[in-house]
Amino acid sequence: MEIGIIGLPGSGKTTVFNALTRGRADVASYGDKPNVGVAPVPDARLDRLVEMYEPRKPVSAAVSYVDIPPPATPSDRIRGISGQYLNDLQRVDALLIVARAFNDDAVLHIDGSVDPFRDVENMMLELLFSDLELLERRLQRLDEGFKGAQAAQRDVINKEYYLLERIKRHLEGETPIRDQEFTPDQAQRIRGFQFLTAKPLIVLLNIDEDNLDEVGSLEERLTEAVEGPSVRAASICGKLEMDLAQMDAEEEAEFREAVGAGESGMNRIIRLSYDVVGLITFLTIGDDEVRAWELQKGTTASRAAGKIHTDFEQGFIRAEVVEFDDLVTCGGFAEARKRGVLRQEGKDYVVQDGDVMHVLFNL
């Protein structure tokens, strides 16, 4: 699961990328290739299991981030979303827009003034226009193909044409595809187009350190502007968070307490990323490893077993499942089994967030 980070030049998106992934990508120059990094998902449940079992190797669930460079030249930006930039956006699973809300005389805004809400609106419209262009091209090809098609083919073409035409009408009314309603079959039909406004979205204001006390009001205004079931809004001071991300854990905690920075803003963004793409976590306990696994909501036990190892899915017999809280209360699997809170689940069981699983399989 990859989250693509986008933003105007000078928005601080690479700074945000470095803070999220504890990376060291160059923030002073505008590169032409994506930066890729992974962020562990903070999870107190994993921490508790590590305390209980003292494994040699604890492993967190993770989110991958891609810092996508904007079009290389001003003329490319005028043409909108196309070429390699479009390809980069289409291949990620969700988008994170970074909008500049900080002042820095050394970094000029390409539009001459700092207005994050204007920038967010313009970028969201660019995504929408990109989808409209793709739809118009596809509708034209369907129209041309219909003329020479046989009766059976015409029925298939008609179904796609009217579905895409409906999507186009809603887009023209500025309703992104993620907010439109589809049957499961229709959702499957359009998945291959990789429409940009169909992707879950996080909108992030990159603020000044001096404006940390305004976070609440800024986020409230931003949420009103971009609200939707698959959209999340937040604000952080990217530069501060990047600097803190380069410290060790103890030094970071001391600094946060000293400046009143509270919980890591990056941890919050990572959790938002996890939530907006519909991920949950299940946990496993091995001889020398305690691990949290990211998993799409609605996934069955046999498919979840396949994340651990393909053999587990192919030879799946059943899963022993206990809820995290019950496991902690019991102190381990043996006592959970005694108390009857350890369940035997078949391959079609839908895994729930916080399930601790032990997979039984045979090949």
Protein backbone atom coordinates (compact mmCIF):
# COMPACT_ATOMS: atom_id res chain seq x y z
CA MET A 1 0.00 0.00 0.00
CA GLU A 2 1.63 3.25 -1.16
CA ILE A 3 0.68 6.84 -0.34
CA GLY A 4 1.81 9.40 -2.92
CA ILE A 5 2.88 12.77 -1.46
CA ILE A 6 2.23 15.71 -3.79
CA GLY A 7 2.42 19.48 -3.50
CA LEU A 8 3.46 22.64 -5.26
CA PRO A 9 7.19 23.46 -5.40
CA GLY A 10 8.21 24.96 -2.06
CA SER A 11 5.29 23.40 -0.16
CA GLY A 12 7.61 21.34 2.03
CA LYS A 13 6.37 17.96 0.80
CA THR A 14 9.88 16.44 0.84
CA THR A 15 10.31 17.77 4.38
CA VAL A 16 7.09 15.97 5.31
CA PHE A 17 8.34 12.82 3.55
CA ASN A 18 11.58 12.93 5.57
CA ALA A 19 9.65 13.39 8.80
CA LEU A 20 7.32 10.47 8.06
CA THR A 21 10.02 8.03 6.99
CA ARG A 22 12.94 9.42 9.03
CA GLY A 23 14.60 9.87 5.67
CA ARG A 24 17.23 12.30 4.45
CA ALA A 25 16.04 13.23 0.97
CA ASP A 26 17.41 16.56 -0.27
CA VAL A 27 14.91 19.32 0.52
CA ALA A 28 16.93 22.15 -1.03
CA SER A 29 16.60 21.07 -4.67
CA TYR A 30 13.70 19.87 -6.78
CA GLY A 31 14.51 16.33 -7.88
CA ASP A 32 13.01 14.64 -10.91
CA LYS A 33 12.68 11.15 -9.41
CA PRO A 34 10.37 9.98 -6.61
CA ASN A 35 11.74 9.39 -3.12
CA VAL A 36 10.43 6.17 -1.58
CA GLY A 37 10.38 5.33 2.12
CA VAL A 38 8.57 3.28 4.74
CA ALA A 39 7.06 4.43 8.04
CA PRO A 40 6.31 2.00 10.89
CA VAL A 41 2.76 2.30 12.22
CA PRO A 42 2.78 3.23 15.94
CA ASP A 43 0.76 0.64 17.86
CA ALA A 44 0.55 0.38 21.64
CA ARG A 45 -0.77 -3.18 21.28
CA LEU A 46 2.45 -4.32 19.64
CA ASP A 47 4.45 -2.57 22.36
CA ARG A 48 2.47 -4.43 25.03
CA LEU A 49 3.00 -7.81 23.38
CA VAL A 50 6.72 -7.09 23.15
CA GLU A 51 6.73 -6.46 26.91
CA MET A 52 4.88 -9.75 27.49
CA TYR A 53 6.88 -12.03 25.18
CA GLU A 54 10.27 -10.27 24.93
CA PRO A 55 10.90 -11.40 21.34
CA ARG A 56 14.25 -11.11 19.64
CA LYS A 57 12.59 -9.31 16.75
CA PRO A 58 9.50 -7.05 17.03
CA VAL A 59 8.13 -5.95 13.64
CA SER A 60 5.64 -3.11 13.13
CA ALA A 61 3.03 -2.80 10.44
CA ALA A 62 4.14 -0.22 7.87
CA VAL A 63 2.96 2.36 5.37
CA SER A 64 4.98 3.17 2.24
CA TYR A 65 5.26 6.78 1.10
CA VAL A 66 6.33 8.08 -2.31
CA ASP A 67 7.46 11.70 -2.56
CA ILE A 68 6.35 12.46 -6.12
CA PRO A 69 8.19 15.30 -7.89
CA PRO A 70 5.99 17.88 -9.66
CA PRO A 71 6.34 18.47 -13.41
CA ALA A 72 9.90 19.54 -14.14
CA THR A 73 9.27 22.82 -15.98
CA PRO A 74 6.72 25.65 -15.77
CA SER A 75 5.41 24.75 -19.25
CA ASP A 76 4.72 21.19 -18.06
CA ARG A 77 2.78 22.54 -15.10
CA ILE A 78 0.64 24.70 -17.38
CA ARG A 79 -0.37 21.59 -19.34
CA GLY A 80 -1.71 20.07 -16.12
CA ILE A 81 -1.33 16.46 -15.04
CA SER A 82 0.20 14.36 -17.79
CA GLY A 83 3.19 12.24 -18.77
CA GLN A 84 5.38 10.76 -16.05
CA TYR A 85 3.69 12.85 -13.36
CA LEU A 86 0.34 11.27 -14.22
CA ASN A 87 1.90 7.80 -14.27
CA ASP A 88 3.39 8.37 -10.81
CA LEU A 89 0.04 9.51 -9.42
CA GLN A 90 -1.89 6.64 -10.95
CA ARG A 91 0.28 3.89 -9.51
CA VAL A 92 -0.14 4.85 -5.82
CA ASP A 93 -3.10 3.76 -3.70
CA ALA A 94 -3.86 7.12 -2.08
CA LEU A 95 -2.71 10.73 -2.26
CA LEU A 96 -1.41 13.11 0.40
CA ILE A 97 -1.54 16.78 -0.61
CA VAL A 98 0.90 19.04 1.26
CA ALA A 99 -0.16 22.71 1.17
CA ARG A 100 2.17 25.47 2.28
CA ALA A 101 0.87 27.43 5.27
CA PHE A 102 4.23 28.78 6.45
CA ASN A 103 6.04 32.00 5.62
CA ASP A 104 9.64 31.94 4.43
CA ASP A 105 11.09 34.89 2.52
CA ALA A 106 13.87 32.64 1.22
CA VAL A 107 11.38 30.36 -0.54
CA LEU A 108 9.06 32.21 -2.90
CA HIS A 109 5.60 30.80 -3.56
CA ILE A 110 5.08 30.11 -7.27
CA ASP A 111 1.79 32.05 -7.14
CA GLY A 112 3.32 35.00 -5.32
CA SER A 113 1.50 34.62 -1.99
CA VAL A 114 0.86 32.02 0.69
CA ASP A 115 -2.75 30.79 0.67
CA PRO A 116 -3.01 27.08 1.53
CA PHE A 117 -6.76 26.88 0.98
CA ARG A 118 -6.39 28.29 -2.53
CA ASP A 119 -3.59 25.82 -3.24
CA VAL A 120 -5.63 22.86 -1.97
CA GLU A 121 -8.63 23.87 -4.07
CA ASN A 122 -6.48 24.31 -7.19
CA MET A 123 -4.72 20.96 -6.74
CA MET A 124 -7.98 19.12 -6.17
CA LEU A 125 -9.39 20.72 -9.31
CA GLU A 126 -6.31 19.61 -11.27
CA LEU A 127 -6.93 16.02 -10.17
CA LEU A 128 -10.55 16.35 -11.25
CA PHE A 129 -9.65 17.84 -14.65
CA SER A 130 -7.22 14.98 -15.23
CA ASP A 131 -10.02 12.46 -14.70
CA LEU A 132 -12.30 14.43 -17.02
CA GLU A 133 -9.70 14.36 -19.79
CA LEU A 134 -9.28 10.60 -19.39
CA LEU A 135 -13.06 10.09 -19.46
CA GLU A 136 -13.52 12.21 -22.56
CA ARG A 137 -10.86 10.24 -24.44
CA ARG A 138 -12.36 6.92 -23.39
CA LEU A 139 -15.91 7.98 -24.27
CA GLN A 140 -14.74 9.09 -27.71
CA ARG A 141 -13.08 5.71 -28.32
CA LEU A 142 -16.21 3.86 -27.18
CA ASP A 143 -18.33 5.99 -29.49
CA GLU A 144 -16.06 5.21 -32.44
CA GLY A 145 -15.93 1.49 -31.57
CA PHE A 146 -19.71 1.23 -31.28
CA LYS A 147 -20.26 1.92 -34.98
CA GLY A 148 -18.46 -1.20 -36.19
CA ALA A 149 -19.36 -3.46 -33.27
CA GLN A 150 -21.63 -6.50 -33.38
CA ALA A 151 -24.82 -6.65 -31.30
CA ALA A 152 -23.25 -8.47 -28.32
CA GLN A 153 -20.30 -6.08 -28.25
CA ARG A 154 -22.62 -3.09 -28.46
CA ASP A 155 -24.33 -4.14 -25.23
CA VAL A 156 -20.97 -4.24 -23.42
CA ILE A 157 -19.94 -0.89 -24.91
CA ASN A 158 -23.26 0.69 -23.92
CA LYS A 159 -22.89 -0.40 -20.29
CA GLU A 160 -19.44 1.12 -20.02
CA TYR A 161 -20.43 4.24 -21.95
CA TYR A 162 -23.40 5.10 -19.75
CA LEU A 163 -21.43 4.39 -16.57
CA LEU A 164 -18.57 6.66 -17.64
CA GLU A 165 -20.97 9.32 -18.90
CA ARG A 166 -22.65 9.36 -15.47
CA ILE A 167 -19.27 9.68 -13.74
CA LYS A 168 -18.35 12.53 -16.08
CA ARG A 169 -21.56 14.45 -15.27
CA HIS A 170 -20.84 14.23 -11.55
CA LEU A 171 -17.23 15.31 -12.07
CA GLU A 172 -18.43 18.33 -14.04
CA GLY A 173 -20.46 19.18 -10.94
CA GLU A 174 -17.18 18.92 -8.95
CA THR A 175 -18.09 15.65 -7.20
CA PRO A 176 -14.94 13.50 -7.07
CA ILE A 177 -15.27 9.84 -7.97
CA ARG A 178 -14.51 8.75 -4.39
CA ASP A 179 -17.78 10.45 -3.32
CA GLN A 180 -19.91 8.88 -6.06
CA GLU A 181 -21.91 5.69 -5.49
CA PHE A 182 -21.25 2.45 -7.38
CA THR A 183 -22.35 -1.15 -7.25
CA PRO A 184 -19.54 -3.65 -6.58
CA ASP A 185 -19.58 -4.58 -10.28
CA GLN A 186 -19.32 -0.93 -11.36
CA ALA A 187 -16.49 -0.29 -8.89
CA GLN A 188 -14.62 -3.25 -10.36
CA ARG A 189 -15.21 -1.99 -13.92
CA ILE A 190 -13.63 1.41 -13.29
CA ARG A 191 -10.74 0.25 -11.07
CA GLY A 192 -8.42 -0.25 -14.01
CA PHE A 193 -8.69 3.39 -15.07
CA GLN A 194 -6.82 4.51 -11.92
CA PHE A 195 -8.86 7.71 -11.70
CA LEU A 196 -7.11 10.21 -9.44
CA THR A 197 -10.25 11.48 -7.68
CA ALA A 198 -11.21 7.89 -6.87
CA LYS A 199 -8.18 7.57 -4.61
CA PRO A 200 -8.47 8.19 -0.85
CA LEU A 201 -7.03 11.58 0.07
CA ILE A 202 -5.22 13.23 2.96
CA VAL A 203 -4.85 17.02 2.90
CA LEU A 204 -2.08 18.37 5.09
CA LEU A 205 -1.32 21.99 5.98
CA ASN A 206 2.41 22.55 6.54
CA ILE A 207 2.44 25.30 9.15
CA ASP A 208 4.96 27.53 10.96
CA GLU A 209 6.26 26.52 14.37
CA ASP A 210 4.82 29.83 15.60
CA ASN A 211 1.32 28.73 14.56
CA LEU A 212 1.13 25.47 16.51
CA ASP A 213 -1.52 27.00 18.79
CA GLU A 214 -3.77 27.56 15.74
CA VAL A 215 -3.83 23.91 14.69
CA GLY A 216 -7.40 23.32 15.90
CA SER A 217 -9.00 26.21 14.01
CA LEU A 218 -6.96 25.54 10.86
CA GLU A 219 -7.95 21.88 10.79
CA GLU A 220 -11.61 22.70 11.42
CA ARG A 221 -11.63 25.07 8.46
CA LEU A 222 -9.75 22.59 6.28
CA THR A 223 -12.09 19.72 7.19
CA GLU A 224 -15.10 21.82 6.16
CA ALA A 225 -13.43 22.58 2.82
CA VAL A 226 -12.48 19.01 1.87
CA GLU A 227 -14.86 16.82 3.87
CA GLY A 228 -15.75 13.39 2.49
CA PRO A 229 -15.86 9.75 3.61
CA SER A 230 -12.45 8.97 2.07
CA VAL A 231 -10.76 12.28 2.88
CA ARG A 232 -8.82 13.24 6.01
CA ALA A 233 -7.42 16.65 6.98
CA ALA A 234 -4.59 17.57 9.33
CA SER A 235 -1.83 20.11 9.94
CA ILE A 236 1.75 19.82 11.14
CA CYS A 237 4.96 21.80 11.28
CA GLY A 238 6.96 19.77 8.78
CA LYS A 239 10.34 21.34 9.55
CA LEU A 240 10.00 20.78 13.30
CA GLU A 241 8.84 17.19 12.78
CA MET A 242 11.71 16.48 10.35
CA ASP A 243 14.25 17.78 12.85
CA LEU A 244 12.70 15.70 15.63
CA ALA A 245 12.64 12.59 13.43
CA GLN A 246 16.44 12.70 13.19
CA MET A 247 16.81 12.47 16.99
CA ASP A 248 16.86 9.26 18.98
CA ALA A 249 13.64 8.38 20.84
CA GLU A 250 14.76 9.63 24.26
CA GLU A 251 16.11 12.93 22.95
CA GLU A 252 12.95 13.47 20.89
CA ALA A 253 10.69 12.85 23.90
CA GLU A 254 12.66 15.33 26.04
CA PHE A 255 12.54 17.99 23.32
CA ARG A 256 8.80 17.54 22.77
CA GLU A 257 8.17 17.98 26.46
CA ALA A 258 10.37 21.08 26.57
CA VAL A 259 8.62 22.85 23.67
CA GLY A 260 5.13 21.50 24.41
CA ALA A 261 4.94 19.74 21.05
CA GLY A 262 2.98 16.79 22.44
CA GLU A 263 2.52 13.59 20.44
CA SER A 264 4.44 13.21 17.20
CA GLY A 265 2.50 14.85 14.40
CA MET A 266 3.97 12.23 12.10
CA ASN A 267 2.49 9.38 14.13
CA ARG A 268 -0.89 11.01 13.68
CA ILE A 269 -0.41 11.32 9.91
CA ILE A 270 0.71 7.69 9.67
CA ARG A 271 -2.43 6.58 11.51
CA LEU A 272 -4.57 8.79 9.24
CA SER A 273 -2.88 7.20 6.22
CA TYR A 274 -3.63 3.75 7.60
CA ASP A 275 -7.25 4.65 8.24
CA VAL A 276 -8.01 6.41 4.96
CA VAL A 277 -6.95 3.41 2.85
CA GLY A 278 -9.03 1.04 4.97
CA LEU A 279 -6.28 -0.90 6.73
CA ILE A 280 -6.51 -2.78 10.01
CA THR A 281 -3.88 -4.63 12.05
CA PHE A 282 -3.70 -8.22 13.16
CA LEU A 283 -0.88 -9.59 15.27
CA THR A 284 1.12 -12.80 15.45
CA ILE A 285 3.41 -14.23 18.11
CA GLY A 286 6.22 -16.55 17.03
CA ASP A 287 9.14 -18.21 18.76
CA ASP A 288 11.37 -15.18 18.30
CA GLU A 289 9.13 -12.59 16.63
CA VAL A 290 6.10 -10.53 17.60
CA ARG A 291 4.65 -8.86 14.55
CA ALA A 292 1.88 -6.47 13.52
CA TRP A 293 0.53 -7.00 10.00
CA GLU A 294 -1.32 -4.45 7.91
CA LEU A 295 -4.45 -5.88 6.28
CA GLN A 296 -7.32 -4.54 4.20
CA LYS A 297 -10.64 -4.41 6.05
CA GLY A 298 -12.89 -7.32 5.10
CA THR A 299 -10.05 -9.79 4.48
CA THR A 300 -10.68 -13.43 5.38
CA ALA A 301 -8.52 -15.52 7.70
CA SER A 302 -7.09 -17.63 4.87
CA ARG A 303 -6.05 -14.52 2.91
CA ALA A 304 -4.54 -13.01 6.05
CA ALA A 305 -2.58 -16.23 6.56
CA GLY A 306 -1.20 -15.76 3.04
CA LYS A 307 0.38 -12.48 4.13
CA ILE A 308 2.43 -14.40 6.67
CA HIS A 309 3.47 -17.03 4.11
CA THR A 310 1.90 -18.32 0.89
CA ASP A 311 2.07 -21.88 2.28
CA PHE A 312 -0.20 -20.82 5.15
CA GLU A 313 -2.95 -19.81 2.72
CA GLN A 314 -2.59 -22.85 0.46
CA GLY A 315 -2.63 -25.33 3.34
CA PHE A 316 -4.92 -23.37 5.68
CA ILE A 317 -6.78 -25.54 8.20
CA ARG A 318 -8.01 -23.02 10.76
CA ALA A 319 -6.88 -20.02 12.78
CA GLU A 320 -6.76 -19.75 16.55
CA VAL A 321 -7.91 -16.20 17.28
CA VAL A 322 -8.06 -14.17 20.47
CA GLU A 323 -8.81 -10.48 20.85
CA PHE A 324 -5.83 -8.45 22.02
CA ASP A 325 -7.49 -7.24 25.25
CA ASP A 326 -8.50 -10.80 26.17
CA LEU A 327 -4.97 -12.07 25.55
CA VAL A 328 -3.47 -9.40 27.81
CA THR A 329 -6.04 -10.12 30.53
CA CYS A 330 -5.29 -13.86 30.34
CA GLY A 331 -1.54 -13.39 30.11
CA GLY A 332 -1.08 -15.79 27.20
CA PHE A 333 -2.63 -18.26 24.76
CA ALA A 334 -2.76 -21.17 27.22
CA GLU A 335 -4.86 -19.29 29.76
CA ALA A 336 -6.99 -17.78 26.97
CA ARG A 337 -7.77 -21.32 25.80
CA LYS A 338 -8.67 -22.36 29.36
CA ARG A 339 -11.04 -19.43 29.79
CA GLY A 340 -12.72 -20.07 26.46
CA VAL A 341 -11.80 -16.76 24.81
CA LEU A 342 -9.51 -18.39 22.24
CA ARG A 343 -11.67 -19.14 19.19
CA GLN A 344 -11.23 -21.60 16.33
CA GLU A 345 -12.04 -19.80 13.07
CA GLY A 346 -12.34 -21.15 9.53
CA LYS A 347 -11.02 -19.77 6.26
CA ASP A 348 -14.00 -17.43 5.70
CA TYR A 349 -13.72 -15.68 9.05
CA VAL A 350 -13.29 -11.92 8.51
CA VAL A 351 -10.28 -10.76 10.47
CA GLN A 352 -10.91 -7.88 12.89
CA ASP A 353 -8.58 -5.10 13.98
CA GLY A 354 -6.56 -6.24 17.00
CA ASP A 355 -7.02 -9.97 16.44
CA VAL A 356 -4.05 -12.05 17.60
CA MET A 357 -3.83 -15.09 15.31
CA HIS A 358 -2.08 -18.43 15.26
CA VAL A 359 -2.50 -20.21 11.91
CA LEU A 360 -2.71 -24.00 11.62
CA PHE A 361 -1.91 -25.36 8.17
CA ASN A 362 -0.94 -28.55 6.38
CA LEU A 363 0.82 -29.11 3.04
